[in-house]
Each structure stands twice: as C-alpha cells, then as structure tokens.
Amino acid sequence: GILEEALRGKDTVLQQMSSRVDAQDQAMREKDAQLTDASTQLAAYEQTLRGKDDRITEMSSKIDALDHDLKSKDAQVMENLTKVSFLEEQVGAKEAHVADMVQKVETLEREKSDMFSRE
C-alpha cells in the first residue's frame, strides 16, 4: 500500500524530471545548431572582410604608383616648361638680331642707292 504509493510518486517525479532533462537537451541541441550557424556566418564575414582588406591594400598600392607617376610627369612638365621658356628667350634674341640685320641691310641698300643716284 503505502510503499507502492510512495514508489509510484517517485516514478512520477522521475518521469517529470526525465522529461525536463530531455527538453533541456533539445533546447541545448537547438542552441548548438544556432551557434554553429552563427560561427559559419562569422567565418564567411571574416573571409569577406579579408578579401576587402586585400582589395583596399591593392588599390592603395595602385594609388601610390599612380601618384608617383603623376609626380614624375609633373616634374617632366616643369622641366619642359623651363626648356620652352629658355628657347622662347633664344628665339626672341634671334628675332631681335634678325631685325637688326634687316635694318643694317636696308641702311646699306639705301646708302648704295644714294651712291648710285649721286653718280
């Protein structure tokens, strides 16, 4: 009687506890699955991030190279402008010299013409 009743009560408590343990096991498995999913997603994001970092580094290198080329071209342009300026000065000097020579030739031709007209 009383012992059987107590034993049935213990069986009921044991079944309830067993059911609770099973439910917690199930919840734990679900959490583990969520954790695995999150870890997989995190790994994918990290991979994407590394790819973007690599691309940034690559672009940065290209920008540095282009910047260097640009500075080199700027230096060449300045050098060429200096040469052009120098050549313009030389051309100006030659033009002045030519104008001077033309004037001398014209003066000589006038003097020659004057000499012939006097004769």
Foldseek 3Di string as FASTA:
>chain_A
DVVVVVVVVVVVVVVVVVVVVVVVVVVVVVVVVVVVVVVVVVVVVVVVVVVVVVVVVVVVVVVVVVVVVVVVVVVVVVVVVVVVVVVVVVVVVVVVVVVVVVVVVVVVVVVVVVVVVVD
